Amino acid sequence: PNNMHVLISLVSASIPNTQYTINSTNNTLVVDGATKTLTSGFYDVDTLSSHLTSLIDNIVVTHSTTTGKFTFTKTSGDFAIGAASTCLEVLGVKVTGQSSSSSVLVGENVCNLAGLTDVYVQILSLHNENSKQHVVGHVAINVMPGEIAHSISHYKFAVSNKHLQHYHIRLIDQNDNLVDLNSIPYNLVLQLDWVYNKEF
């Protein structure tokens, strides 16, 4: 009705932490123009070092527990990791790419194997007056891989739609990529409140 507003809230959510550390959004590495595809999965610094060493010819990858950085060492000659790589943040390499010096390349930054840290619930078919990205809720993924993160919220967003016909719900991560939970189900409880204009 014209004399009413609609509020929407994400009352509760249960999201499993099952998105791989390396997945389709960050699995390419470009070395001297050659593209390598990392195998999707959960990794720690040791398993990722081993995987990279087996993937890149004549380069050994190690990780320093002191600095938290990866080091790439080539048998001989210099090399470059290209900016077209999608795994640069994970490896701690500059987003503009990085070149070796005397056959050694040390990541500019600490590596980031945190994986999925935040999930945002979007409802694209609703015009959310409080958020430009149609986000109606946030879930902090503060559990170990394989465990389920729970969230309870009572924050209500105003919706400007006058006709509610369908919902297009999707989950995005902290980098605005679609979340891939590897076919593990999740649970959302959404609530709609109709409020008279005078009360609103």
N, C-alpha and C. Protein backbone atom coordinates (compact mmCIF):
# COMPACT_ATOMS: atom_id res chain seq x y z
N PRO A 1 0.83 -1.21 0.00
CA PRO A 1 0.00 0.00 0.00
C PRO A 1 0.86 1.26 0.00
N ASN A 2 0.32 2.35 -0.56
CA ASN A 2 1.07 3.59 -0.68
C ASN A 2 1.40 4.21 0.67
N ASN A 3 0.63 3.90 1.68
CA ASN A 3 0.87 4.52 2.99
C ASN A 3 1.78 3.68 3.88
N MET A 4 2.52 2.75 3.27
CA MET A 4 3.38 1.87 4.05
C MET A 4 4.78 1.79 3.46
N HIS A 5 5.75 1.50 4.31
CA HIS A 5 7.12 1.21 3.91
C HIS A 5 7.40 -0.26 4.22
N VAL A 6 8.42 -0.78 3.57
CA VAL A 6 8.86 -2.16 3.84
C VAL A 6 10.28 -2.12 4.38
N LEU A 7 10.52 -2.87 5.44
CA LEU A 7 11.85 -3.05 5.99
C LEU A 7 12.24 -4.51 5.83
N ILE A 8 13.52 -4.74 5.52
CA ILE A 8 14.00 -6.11 5.39
C ILE A 8 15.20 -6.30 6.32
N SER A 9 15.29 -7.48 6.91
CA SER A 9 16.41 -7.75 7.80
C SER A 9 16.86 -9.20 7.64
N LEU A 10 18.16 -9.39 7.78
CA LEU A 10 18.72 -10.75 7.84
C LEU A 10 18.74 -11.12 9.31
N VAL A 11 17.75 -11.89 9.73
CA VAL A 11 17.59 -12.22 11.14
C VAL A 11 18.72 -13.13 11.61
N SER A 12 19.01 -14.17 10.83
CA SER A 12 20.09 -15.08 11.20
C SER A 12 20.65 -15.74 9.95
N ALA A 13 21.88 -16.24 10.09
CA ALA A 13 22.54 -16.91 8.97
C ALA A 13 23.49 -17.96 9.51
N SER A 14 23.61 -19.05 8.77
CA SER A 14 24.59 -20.09 9.06
C SER A 14 25.32 -20.39 7.76
N ILE A 15 26.60 -20.02 7.71
CA ILE A 15 27.40 -20.14 6.49
C ILE A 15 28.59 -21.06 6.76
N PRO A 16 28.73 -22.16 6.02
CA PRO A 16 29.89 -23.03 6.23
C PRO A 16 31.15 -22.42 5.61
N ASN A 17 32.26 -22.56 6.28
CA ASN A 17 33.53 -22.07 5.75
C ASN A 17 34.13 -23.16 4.86
N THR A 18 33.57 -23.27 3.66
CA THR A 18 33.99 -24.35 2.75
C THR A 18 34.46 -23.82 1.40
N GLN A 19 34.68 -22.52 1.29
CA GLN A 19 35.26 -22.00 0.04
C GLN A 19 36.77 -22.20 0.10
N TYR A 20 37.33 -22.79 -0.96
CA TYR A 20 38.75 -23.11 -0.98
C TYR A 20 39.62 -21.84 -0.88
N THR A 21 40.78 -22.00 -0.26
CA THR A 21 41.75 -20.91 -0.22
C THR A 21 42.16 -20.51 -1.63
N ILE A 22 42.45 -21.51 -2.45
CA ILE A 22 42.70 -21.30 -3.89
C ILE A 22 41.48 -21.80 -4.62
N ASN A 23 40.86 -20.90 -5.40
CA ASN A 23 39.64 -21.26 -6.12
C ASN A 23 39.65 -20.59 -7.48
N SER A 24 38.53 -20.60 -8.17
CA SER A 24 38.49 -20.09 -9.54
C SER A 24 38.76 -18.60 -9.65
N THR A 25 38.69 -17.88 -8.53
CA THR A 25 38.93 -16.43 -8.58
C THR A 25 40.39 -16.06 -8.39
N ASN A 26 41.21 -16.99 -7.92
CA ASN A 26 42.61 -16.64 -7.62
C ASN A 26 43.60 -17.77 -7.94
N ASN A 27 43.33 -18.52 -9.00
CA ASN A 27 44.13 -19.73 -9.26
C ASN A 27 45.08 -19.63 -10.45
N THR A 28 45.34 -18.43 -10.95
CA THR A 28 46.27 -18.33 -12.08
C THR A 28 47.54 -17.58 -11.67
N LEU A 29 48.66 -18.09 -12.17
CA LEU A 29 49.97 -17.48 -11.93
C LEU A 29 50.69 -17.36 -13.26
N VAL A 30 51.10 -16.16 -13.61
CA VAL A 30 51.79 -15.91 -14.87
C VAL A 30 53.27 -15.67 -14.58
N VAL A 31 54.12 -16.57 -15.08
CA VAL A 31 55.56 -16.47 -14.89
C VAL A 31 56.22 -16.37 -16.26
N ASP A 32 56.87 -15.25 -16.51
CA ASP A 32 57.51 -15.00 -17.80
C ASP A 32 56.55 -15.21 -18.96
N GLY A 33 55.32 -14.78 -18.80
CA GLY A 33 54.32 -14.85 -19.86
C GLY A 33 53.59 -16.18 -19.95
N ALA A 34 54.05 -17.20 -19.23
CA ALA A 34 53.39 -18.51 -19.27
C ALA A 34 52.41 -18.61 -18.10
N THR A 35 51.17 -18.99 -18.39
CA THR A 35 50.14 -19.06 -17.37
C THR A 35 50.08 -20.45 -16.75
N LYS A 36 50.17 -20.50 -15.46
CA LYS A 36 50.05 -21.74 -14.69
C LYS A 36 48.74 -21.69 -13.90
N THR A 37 48.04 -22.81 -13.82
CA THR A 37 46.79 -22.88 -13.08
C THR A 37 46.99 -23.70 -11.81
N LEU A 38 46.79 -23.04 -10.67
CA LEU A 38 46.92 -23.73 -9.39
C LEU A 38 45.70 -24.62 -9.16
N THR A 39 45.92 -25.73 -8.50
CA THR A 39 44.83 -26.64 -8.18
C THR A 39 44.03 -26.08 -7.01
N SER A 40 42.72 -26.01 -7.17
CA SER A 40 41.86 -25.48 -6.11
C SER A 40 41.91 -26.38 -4.88
N GLY A 41 41.86 -25.76 -3.71
CA GLY A 41 41.87 -26.53 -2.47
C GLY A 41 42.24 -25.67 -1.28
N PHE A 42 42.24 -26.29 -0.10
CA PHE A 42 42.69 -25.62 1.11
C PHE A 42 44.20 -25.76 1.21
N TYR A 43 44.91 -24.67 1.51
CA TYR A 43 46.36 -24.70 1.59
C TYR A 43 46.85 -23.99 2.85
N ASP A 44 47.99 -24.49 3.36
CA ASP A 44 48.76 -23.72 4.32
C ASP A 44 50.06 -23.34 3.62
N VAL A 45 50.97 -22.67 4.31
CA VAL A 45 52.18 -22.18 3.63
C VAL A 45 53.04 -23.32 3.11
N ASP A 46 53.07 -24.44 3.81
CA ASP A 46 53.91 -25.56 3.39
C ASP A 46 53.33 -26.27 2.15
N THR A 47 52.03 -26.55 2.19
CA THR A 47 51.44 -27.25 1.03
C THR A 47 51.41 -26.36 -0.20
N LEU A 48 51.23 -25.04 0.00
CA LEU A 48 51.24 -24.15 -1.16
C LEU A 48 52.65 -24.00 -1.72
N SER A 49 53.66 -23.93 -0.87
CA SER A 49 55.05 -23.88 -1.33
C SER A 49 55.38 -25.10 -2.18
N SER A 50 54.99 -26.27 -1.71
CA SER A 50 55.26 -27.51 -2.45
C SER A 50 54.52 -27.54 -3.77
N HIS A 51 53.27 -27.10 -3.75
CA HIS A 51 52.48 -27.10 -4.98
C HIS A 51 53.07 -26.16 -6.02
N LEU A 52 53.48 -24.97 -5.60
CA LEU A 52 54.07 -24.00 -6.53
C LEU A 52 55.39 -24.52 -7.09
N THR A 53 56.21 -25.15 -6.25
CA THR A 53 57.49 -25.70 -6.71
C THR A 53 57.28 -26.77 -7.77
N SER A 54 56.25 -27.60 -7.59
CA SER A 54 55.97 -28.65 -8.58
C SER A 54 55.34 -28.10 -9.85
N LEU A 55 54.74 -26.91 -9.74
CA LEU A 55 54.02 -26.33 -10.87
C LEU A 55 54.91 -25.50 -11.79
N ILE A 56 55.91 -24.83 -11.21
CA ILE A 56 56.76 -23.90 -11.98
C ILE A 56 58.11 -24.56 -12.25
N ASP A 57 58.48 -24.63 -13.52
CA ASP A 57 59.75 -25.25 -13.90
C ASP A 57 60.94 -24.44 -13.39
N ASN A 58 61.93 -25.14 -12.83
CA ASN A 58 63.21 -24.57 -12.41
C ASN A 58 63.11 -23.50 -11.33
N ILE A 59 62.01 -23.48 -10.60
CA ILE A 59 61.85 -22.49 -9.52
C ILE A 59 61.41 -23.23 -8.25
N VAL A 60 62.12 -22.95 -7.17
CA VAL A 60 61.79 -23.51 -5.86
C VAL A 60 61.14 -22.41 -5.03
N VAL A 61 60.01 -22.73 -4.40
CA VAL A 61 59.28 -21.75 -3.59
C VAL A 61 59.38 -22.16 -2.13
N THR A 62 59.78 -21.21 -1.29
CA THR A 62 59.88 -21.45 0.15
C THR A 62 59.14 -20.34 0.88
N HIS A 63 58.85 -20.59 2.15
CA HIS A 63 58.14 -19.60 2.97
C HIS A 63 58.93 -19.35 4.24
N SER A 64 59.03 -18.09 4.62
CA SER A 64 59.73 -17.72 5.84
C SER A 64 58.73 -17.52 6.98
N THR A 65 58.92 -18.27 8.06
CA THR A 65 58.05 -18.08 9.22
C THR A 65 58.38 -16.79 9.97
N THR A 66 59.56 -16.22 9.68
CA THR A 66 59.97 -14.96 10.32
C THR A 66 59.29 -13.76 9.68
N THR A 67 59.31 -13.73 8.34
CA THR A 67 58.74 -12.57 7.63
C THR A 67 57.33 -12.82 7.12
N GLY A 68 56.95 -14.10 7.01
CA GLY A 68 55.63 -14.42 6.46
C GLY A 68 55.56 -14.27 4.95
N LYS A 69 56.72 -14.23 4.30
CA LYS A 69 56.77 -14.01 2.85
C LYS A 69 57.24 -15.25 2.10
N PHE A 70 56.78 -15.37 0.84
CA PHE A 70 57.25 -16.43 -0.04
C PHE A 70 58.50 -15.95 -0.78
N THR A 71 59.44 -16.88 -1.00
CA THR A 71 60.62 -16.60 -1.81
C THR A 71 60.65 -17.57 -2.98
N PHE A 72 60.83 -17.03 -4.19
CA PHE A 72 60.92 -17.82 -5.42
C PHE A 72 62.38 -17.77 -5.87
N THR A 73 63.00 -18.94 -6.01
CA THR A 73 64.41 -19.02 -6.40
C THR A 73 64.54 -19.86 -7.66
N LYS A 74 65.09 -19.25 -8.72
CA LYS A 74 65.26 -19.95 -9.99
C LYS A 74 66.65 -20.55 -10.07
N THR A 75 66.78 -21.67 -10.78
CA THR A 75 68.06 -22.35 -10.94
C THR A 75 69.11 -21.40 -11.51
N SER A 76 68.74 -20.67 -12.56
CA SER A 76 69.63 -19.66 -13.12
C SER A 76 68.81 -18.68 -13.95
N GLY A 77 69.24 -17.43 -13.98
CA GLY A 77 68.55 -16.41 -14.75
C GLY A 77 67.41 -15.76 -13.98
N ASP A 78 67.03 -14.59 -14.45
CA ASP A 78 65.95 -13.86 -13.80
C ASP A 78 64.60 -14.18 -14.43
N PHE A 79 63.55 -13.82 -13.73
CA PHE A 79 62.19 -14.11 -14.19
C PHE A 79 61.25 -13.06 -13.61
N ALA A 80 60.01 -13.07 -14.07
CA ALA A 80 59.02 -12.09 -13.60
C ALA A 80 57.68 -12.77 -13.39
N ILE A 81 57.00 -12.35 -12.34
CA ILE A 81 55.62 -12.77 -12.10
C ILE A 81 54.73 -11.63 -12.57
N GLY A 82 53.84 -11.93 -13.52
CA GLY A 82 53.06 -10.90 -14.19
C GLY A 82 51.84 -10.42 -13.42
N ALA A 83 51.45 -9.18 -13.72
CA ALA A 83 50.29 -8.57 -13.07
C ALA A 83 48.98 -9.25 -13.44
N ALA A 84 48.98 -10.03 -14.52
CA ALA A 84 47.76 -10.75 -14.93
C ALA A 84 47.45 -11.93 -14.03
N SER A 85 48.37 -12.28 -13.13
CA SER A 85 48.14 -13.36 -12.18
C SER A 85 47.00 -12.97 -11.24
N THR A 86 46.15 -13.93 -10.90
CA THR A 86 45.04 -13.64 -9.99
C THR A 86 45.34 -14.02 -8.54
N CYS A 87 46.51 -14.61 -8.30
CA CYS A 87 46.85 -15.08 -6.95
C CYS A 87 47.89 -14.20 -6.26
N LEU A 88 48.09 -12.97 -6.75
CA LEU A 88 49.15 -12.12 -6.23
C LEU A 88 48.95 -11.78 -4.75
N GLU A 89 47.71 -11.51 -4.34
CA GLU A 89 47.45 -11.18 -2.93
C GLU A 89 47.76 -12.39 -2.05
N VAL A 90 47.38 -13.56 -2.52
CA VAL A 90 47.65 -14.78 -1.74
C VAL A 90 49.16 -14.97 -1.56
N LEU A 91 49.91 -14.72 -2.62
CA LEU A 91 51.36 -14.95 -2.58
C LEU A 91 52.13 -13.79 -1.98
N GLY A 92 51.49 -12.65 -1.79
CA GLY A 92 52.19 -11.48 -1.26
C GLY A 92 53.04 -10.78 -2.29
N VAL A 93 52.75 -11.01 -3.57
CA VAL A 93 53.48 -10.35 -4.66
C VAL A 93 52.76 -9.05 -5.02
N LYS A 94 53.52 -8.04 -5.44
CA LYS A 94 52.92 -6.75 -5.80
C LYS A 94 51.84 -6.93 -6.86
N VAL A 95 50.74 -6.16 -6.73
CA VAL A 95 49.63 -6.29 -7.68
C VAL A 95 50.04 -5.86 -9.09
N THR A 96 51.10 -5.11 -9.19
CA THR A 96 51.60 -4.70 -10.51
C THR A 96 52.58 -5.71 -11.09
N GLY A 97 52.78 -6.81 -10.38
CA GLY A 97 53.77 -7.79 -10.82
C GLY A 97 55.11 -7.51 -10.16
N GLN A 98 56.03 -8.47 -10.30
CA GLN A 98 57.31 -8.31 -9.63
C GLN A 98 58.37 -9.10 -10.37
N SER A 99 59.58 -8.57 -10.41
CA SER A 99 60.69 -9.23 -11.09
C SER A 99 61.75 -9.67 -10.09
N SER A 100 62.47 -10.72 -10.46
CA SER A 100 63.51 -11.24 -9.58
C SER A 100 64.78 -10.42 -9.72
N SER A 101 65.67 -10.61 -8.77
CA SER A 101 67.01 -10.01 -8.82
C SER A 101 68.00 -11.10 -8.46
N SER A 102 68.93 -11.35 -9.34
CA SER A 102 69.91 -12.43 -9.14
C SER A 102 69.21 -13.77 -8.90
N SER A 103 68.18 -14.03 -9.71
CA SER A 103 67.43 -15.29 -9.71
C SER A 103 66.55 -15.49 -8.49
N VAL A 104 66.38 -14.46 -7.66
CA VAL A 104 65.57 -14.58 -6.44
C VAL A 104 64.50 -13.50 -6.43
N LEU A 105 63.28 -13.91 -6.09
CA LEU A 105 62.18 -12.97 -5.94
C LEU A 105 61.52 -13.21 -4.59
N VAL A 106 61.55 -12.18 -3.75
CA VAL A 106 60.89 -12.25 -2.44
C VAL A 106 59.62 -11.42 -2.51
N GLY A 107 58.51 -11.99 -2.10
CA GLY A 107 57.25 -11.28 -2.14
C GLY A 107 57.33 -9.94 -1.44
N GLU A 108 56.70 -8.94 -2.02
CA GLU A 108 56.71 -7.60 -1.45
C GLU A 108 55.96 -7.57 -0.12
N ASN A 109 54.93 -8.39 -0.01
CA ASN A 109 54.06 -8.36 1.17
C ASN A 109 53.99 -9.74 1.83
N VAL A 110 53.43 -9.76 3.01
CA VAL A 110 53.16 -11.03 3.70
C VAL A 110 52.08 -11.78 2.91
N CYS A 111 52.21 -13.08 2.80
CA CYS A 111 51.22 -13.87 2.07
C CYS A 111 49.89 -13.86 2.82
N ASN A 112 48.81 -14.06 2.08
CA ASN A 112 47.48 -14.01 2.68
C ASN A 112 46.73 -15.30 2.37
N LEU A 113 46.75 -16.22 3.33
CA LEU A 113 46.04 -17.49 3.19
C LEU A 113 44.81 -17.54 4.10
N ALA A 114 44.27 -16.37 4.39
CA ALA A 114 43.11 -16.30 5.28
C ALA A 114 41.88 -16.94 4.64
N GLY A 115 41.80 -16.95 3.32
CA GLY A 115 40.65 -17.53 2.65
C GLY A 115 39.41 -16.68 2.85
N LEU A 116 38.28 -17.34 3.01
CA LEU A 116 37.00 -16.64 3.17
C LEU A 116 36.92 -16.03 4.57
N THR A 117 36.78 -14.70 4.65
CA THR A 117 36.71 -14.02 5.94
C THR A 117 35.37 -13.33 6.18
N ASP A 118 34.71 -12.94 5.10
CA ASP A 118 33.44 -12.23 5.22
C ASP A 118 32.50 -12.64 4.10
N VAL A 119 31.23 -12.80 4.44
CA VAL A 119 30.20 -13.09 3.45
C VAL A 119 29.13 -12.01 3.56
N TYR A 120 28.75 -11.46 2.40
CA TYR A 120 27.71 -10.43 2.34
C TYR A 120 26.52 -11.00 1.58
N VAL A 121 25.33 -10.81 2.12
CA VAL A 121 24.10 -11.30 1.50
C VAL A 121 23.51 -10.17 0.66
N GLN A 122 23.40 -10.41 -0.63
CA GLN A 122 22.82 -9.44 -1.55
C GLN A 122 21.44 -9.91 -2.00
N ILE A 123 20.53 -8.98 -2.12
CA ILE A 123 19.24 -9.26 -2.76
C ILE A 123 19.12 -8.26 -3.90
N LEU A 124 19.49 -8.71 -5.09
CA LEU A 124 19.63 -7.79 -6.23
C LEU A 124 18.30 -7.23 -6.70
N SER A 125 17.21 -7.93 -6.44
CA SER A 125 15.91 -7.48 -6.94
C SER A 125 15.27 -6.43 -6.02
N LEU A 126 15.87 -6.18 -4.86
CA LEU A 126 15.35 -5.17 -3.95
C LEU A 126 16.20 -3.92 -4.02
N HIS A 127 15.55 -2.77 -3.99
CA HIS A 127 16.27 -1.50 -3.97
C HIS A 127 16.43 -1.09 -2.51
N ASN A 128 17.61 -1.38 -2.01
CA ASN A 128 17.92 -1.14 -0.61
C ASN A 128 18.38 0.30 -0.44
N GLU A 129 17.65 1.09 0.29
CA GLU A 129 17.98 2.50 0.44
C GLU A 129 19.22 2.74 1.29
N ASN A 130 19.65 1.74 2.03
CA ASN A 130 20.79 1.90 2.92
C ASN A 130 22.10 1.41 2.32
N SER A 131 22.04 0.73 1.19
CA SER A 131 23.25 0.12 0.62
C SER A 131 23.20 0.16 -0.89
N LYS A 132 24.28 0.66 -1.49
CA LYS A 132 24.35 0.74 -2.95
C LYS A 132 24.55 -0.63 -3.58
N GLN A 133 25.04 -1.58 -2.81
CA GLN A 133 25.33 -2.90 -3.36
C GLN A 133 24.24 -3.92 -3.03
N HIS A 134 23.08 -3.46 -2.60
CA HIS A 134 21.95 -4.34 -2.29
C HIS A 134 22.28 -5.32 -1.17
N VAL A 135 23.19 -4.96 -0.29
CA VAL A 135 23.57 -5.85 0.81
C VAL A 135 22.59 -5.69 1.96
N VAL A 136 22.05 -6.81 2.43
CA VAL A 136 21.10 -6.77 3.55
C VAL A 136 21.68 -7.41 4.81
N GLY A 137 22.88 -7.96 4.71
CA GLY A 137 23.46 -8.56 5.89
C GLY A 137 24.90 -8.99 5.67
N HIS A 138 25.61 -9.15 6.78
CA HIS A 138 27.02 -9.52 6.75
C HIS A 138 27.25 -10.64 7.76
N VAL A 139 28.07 -11.62 7.36
CA VAL A 139 28.43 -12.72 8.25
C VAL A 139 29.95 -12.80 8.31
N ALA A 140 30.52 -12.63 9.48
CA ALA A 140 31.96 -12.80 9.67
C ALA A 140 32.28 -14.29 9.73
N ILE A 141 33.18 -14.73 8.86
CA ILE A 141 33.57 -16.14 8.85
C ILE A 141 34.77 -16.28 9.79
N ASN A 142 34.48 -16.51 11.05
CA ASN A 142 35.51 -16.55 12.08
C ASN A 142 35.69 -17.95 12.64
N VAL A 143 35.52 -18.94 11.76
CA VAL A 143 35.65 -20.35 12.16
C VAL A 143 36.66 -21.04 11.25
N MET A 144 37.12 -22.19 11.66
CA MET A 144 38.07 -22.96 10.87
C MET A 144 37.39 -23.55 9.63
N PRO A 145 38.17 -23.88 8.58
CA PRO A 145 37.58 -24.53 7.40
C PRO A 145 36.80 -25.78 7.78
N GLY A 146 35.61 -25.90 7.20
CA GLY A 146 34.75 -27.04 7.49
C GLY A 146 33.74 -26.77 8.58
N GLU A 147 33.96 -25.72 9.38
CA GLU A 147 33.02 -25.37 10.43
C GLU A 147 32.00 -24.35 9.92
N ILE A 148 30.96 -24.11 10.72
CA ILE A 148 29.88 -23.22 10.30
C ILE A 148 29.89 -21.94 11.12
N ALA A 149 29.85 -20.80 10.42
CA ALA A 149 29.78 -19.50 11.08
C ALA A 149 28.32 -19.10 11.23
N HIS A 150 27.98 -18.61 12.41
CA HIS A 150 26.61 -18.21 12.69
C HIS A 150 26.55 -16.71 12.94
N SER A 151 25.45 -16.10 12.56
CA SER A 151 25.28 -14.67 12.77
C SER A 151 23.82 -14.38 13.08
N ILE A 152 23.60 -13.47 14.03
CA ILE A 152 22.25 -13.01 14.37
C ILE A 152 22.26 -11.49 14.31
N SER A 153 21.28 -10.91 13.62
CA SER A 153 21.21 -9.46 13.47
C SER A 153 19.75 -9.01 13.54
N HIS A 154 19.56 -7.79 13.99
CA HIS A 154 18.22 -7.21 14.04
C HIS A 154 18.18 -5.87 13.29
N TYR A 155 19.25 -5.62 12.50
CA TYR A 155 19.30 -4.36 11.75
C TYR A 155 18.35 -4.45 10.56
N LYS A 156 17.53 -3.43 10.39
CA LYS A 156 16.52 -3.44 9.33
C LYS A 156 16.85 -2.38 8.28
N PHE A 157 16.77 -2.79 7.02
CA PHE A 157 17.03 -1.88 5.91
C PHE A 157 15.70 -1.47 5.27
N ALA A 158 15.61 -0.21 4.91
CA ALA A 158 14.41 0.25 4.20
C ALA A 158 14.49 -0.16 2.74
N VAL A 159 13.36 -0.59 2.19
CA VAL A 159 13.28 -1.02 0.80
C VAL A 159 12.36 -0.07 0.05
N SER A 160 12.82 0.42 -1.10
CA SER A 160 12.03 1.41 -1.84
C SER A 160 11.08 0.78 -2.85
N ASN A 161 11.20 -0.54 -3.08
CA ASN A 161 10.29 -1.20 -4.03
C ASN A 161 8.84 -1.07 -3.57
N LYS A 162 7.94 -0.82 -4.51
CA LYS A 162 6.51 -0.83 -4.20
C LYS A 162 5.87 -2.16 -4.60
N HIS A 163 6.57 -2.93 -5.42
CA HIS A 163 6.05 -4.23 -5.84
C HIS A 163 7.12 -5.29 -5.54
N LEU A 164 6.79 -6.26 -4.74
CA LEU A 164 7.72 -7.34 -4.40
C LEU A 164 7.24 -8.60 -5.10
N GLN A 165 7.96 -9.01 -6.14
CA GLN A 165 7.53 -10.15 -6.93
C GLN A 165 8.47 -11.34 -6.80
N HIS A 166 9.76 -11.08 -6.69
CA HIS A 166 10.72 -12.18 -6.57
C HIS A 166 11.98 -11.66 -5.89
N TYR A 167 12.82 -12.60 -5.45
CA TYR A 167 14.06 -12.26 -4.80
C TYR A 167 15.21 -12.92 -5.55
N HIS A 168 16.25 -12.17 -5.81
CA HIS A 168 17.47 -12.72 -6.40
C HIS A 168 18.56 -12.61 -5.34
N ILE A 169 18.76 -13.70 -4.60
CA ILE A 169 19.69 -13.69 -3.48
C ILE A 169 21.01 -14.33 -3.90
N ARG A 170 22.11 -13.69 -3.51
CA ARG A 170 23.42 -14.30 -3.76
C ARG A 170 24.38 -13.89 -2.65
N LEU A 171 25.46 -14.66 -2.51
CA LEU A 171 26.48 -14.40 -1.51
C LEU A 171 27.75 -13.94 -2.20
N ILE A 172 28.37 -12.87 -1.68
CA ILE A 172 29.66 -12.42 -2.20
C ILE A 172 30.65 -12.38 -1.04
N ASP A 173 31.94 -12.50 -1.39
CA ASP A 173 32.97 -12.51 -0.34
C ASP A 173 33.55 -11.11 -0.15
N GLN A 174 34.62 -11.03 0.62
CA GLN A 174 35.23 -9.74 0.96
C GLN A 174 35.84 -9.04 -0.26
N ASN A 175 36.02 -9.78 -1.36
CA ASN A 175 36.57 -9.19 -2.59
C ASN A 175 35.51 -8.99 -3.66
N ASP A 176 34.24 -9.07 -3.26
CA ASP A 176 33.10 -8.90 -4.17
C ASP A 176 32.95 -10.03 -5.19
N ASN A 177 33.59 -11.16 -4.94
CA ASN A 177 33.43 -12.33 -5.80
C ASN A 177 32.28 -13.19 -5.27
N LEU A 178 31.61 -13.91 -6.18
CA LEU A 178 30.58 -14.84 -5.76
C LEU A 178 31.21 -15.93 -4.88
N VAL A 179 30.53 -16.26 -3.80
CA VAL A 179 31.04 -17.28 -2.88
C VAL A 179 30.72 -18.67 -3.44
N ASP A 180 31.72 -19.55 -3.42
CA ASP A 180 31.54 -20.94 -3.84
C ASP A 180 31.77 -21.83 -2.62
N LEU A 181 30.68 -22.32 -2.05
CA LEU A 181 30.76 -23.15 -0.85
C LEU A 181 30.92 -24.63 -1.16
N ASN A 182 31.24 -24.95 -2.42
CA ASN A 182 31.47 -26.33 -2.83
C ASN A 182 30.27 -27.23 -2.54
N SER A 183 29.10 -26.72 -2.89
CA SER A 183 27.83 -27.47 -2.81
C SER A 183 27.39 -27.79 -1.38
N ILE A 184 28.00 -27.15 -0.39
CA ILE A 184 27.56 -27.33 1.00
C ILE A 184 26.44 -26.32 1.26
N PRO A 185 25.30 -26.77 1.80
CA PRO A 185 24.16 -25.86 1.99
C PRO A 185 24.41 -24.82 3.08
N TYR A 186 23.73 -23.69 2.94
CA TYR A 186 23.77 -22.65 3.95
C TYR A 186 22.34 -22.27 4.29
N ASN A 187 22.17 -21.49 5.35
CA ASN A 187 20.83 -21.14 5.80
C ASN A 187 20.73 -19.64 6.08
N LEU A 188 19.68 -19.01 5.56
CA LEU A 188 19.40 -17.60 5.81
C LEU A 188 17.97 -17.46 6.29
N VAL A 189 17.75 -16.62 7.28
CA VAL A 189 16.40 -16.29 7.71
C VAL A 189 16.21 -14.79 7.48
N LEU A 190 15.31 -14.46 6.55
CA LEU A 190 15.03 -13.07 6.21
C LEU A 190 13.66 -12.69 6.75
N GLN A 191 13.52 -11.44 7.13
CA GLN A 191 12.23 -10.97 7.66
C GLN A 191 11.84 -9.68 6.95
N LEU A 192 10.56 -9.59 6.60
CA LEU A 192 10.00 -8.38 6.02
C LEU A 192 9.01 -7.78 7.01
N ASP A 193 9.12 -6.48 7.22
CA ASP A 193 8.19 -5.76 8.08
C ASP A 193 7.50 -4.66 7.28
N TRP A 194 6.17 -4.63 7.36
CA TRP A 194 5.42 -3.54 6.74
C TRP A 194 5.10 -2.52 7.83
N VAL A 195 5.47 -1.28 7.57
CA VAL A 195 5.34 -0.24 8.59
C VAL A 195 4.58 0.95 8.00
N TYR A 196 3.59 1.47 8.75
CA TYR A 196 2.86 2.65 8.30
C TYR A 196 3.81 3.86 8.25
N ASN A 197 3.61 4.73 7.29
CA ASN A 197 4.48 5.89 7.13
C ASN A 197 4.58 6.72 8.41
N LYS A 198 3.50 6.93 9.11
CA LYS A 198 3.54 7.76 10.32
C LYS A 198 4.41 7.12 11.40
N GLU A 199 4.44 5.78 11.43
CA GLU A 199 5.28 5.10 12.41
C GLU A 199 6.73 5.09 11.96
N PHE A 200 6.94 5.02 10.65
CA PHE A 200 8.30 4.98 10.12
C PHE A 200 8.99 6.32 10.35
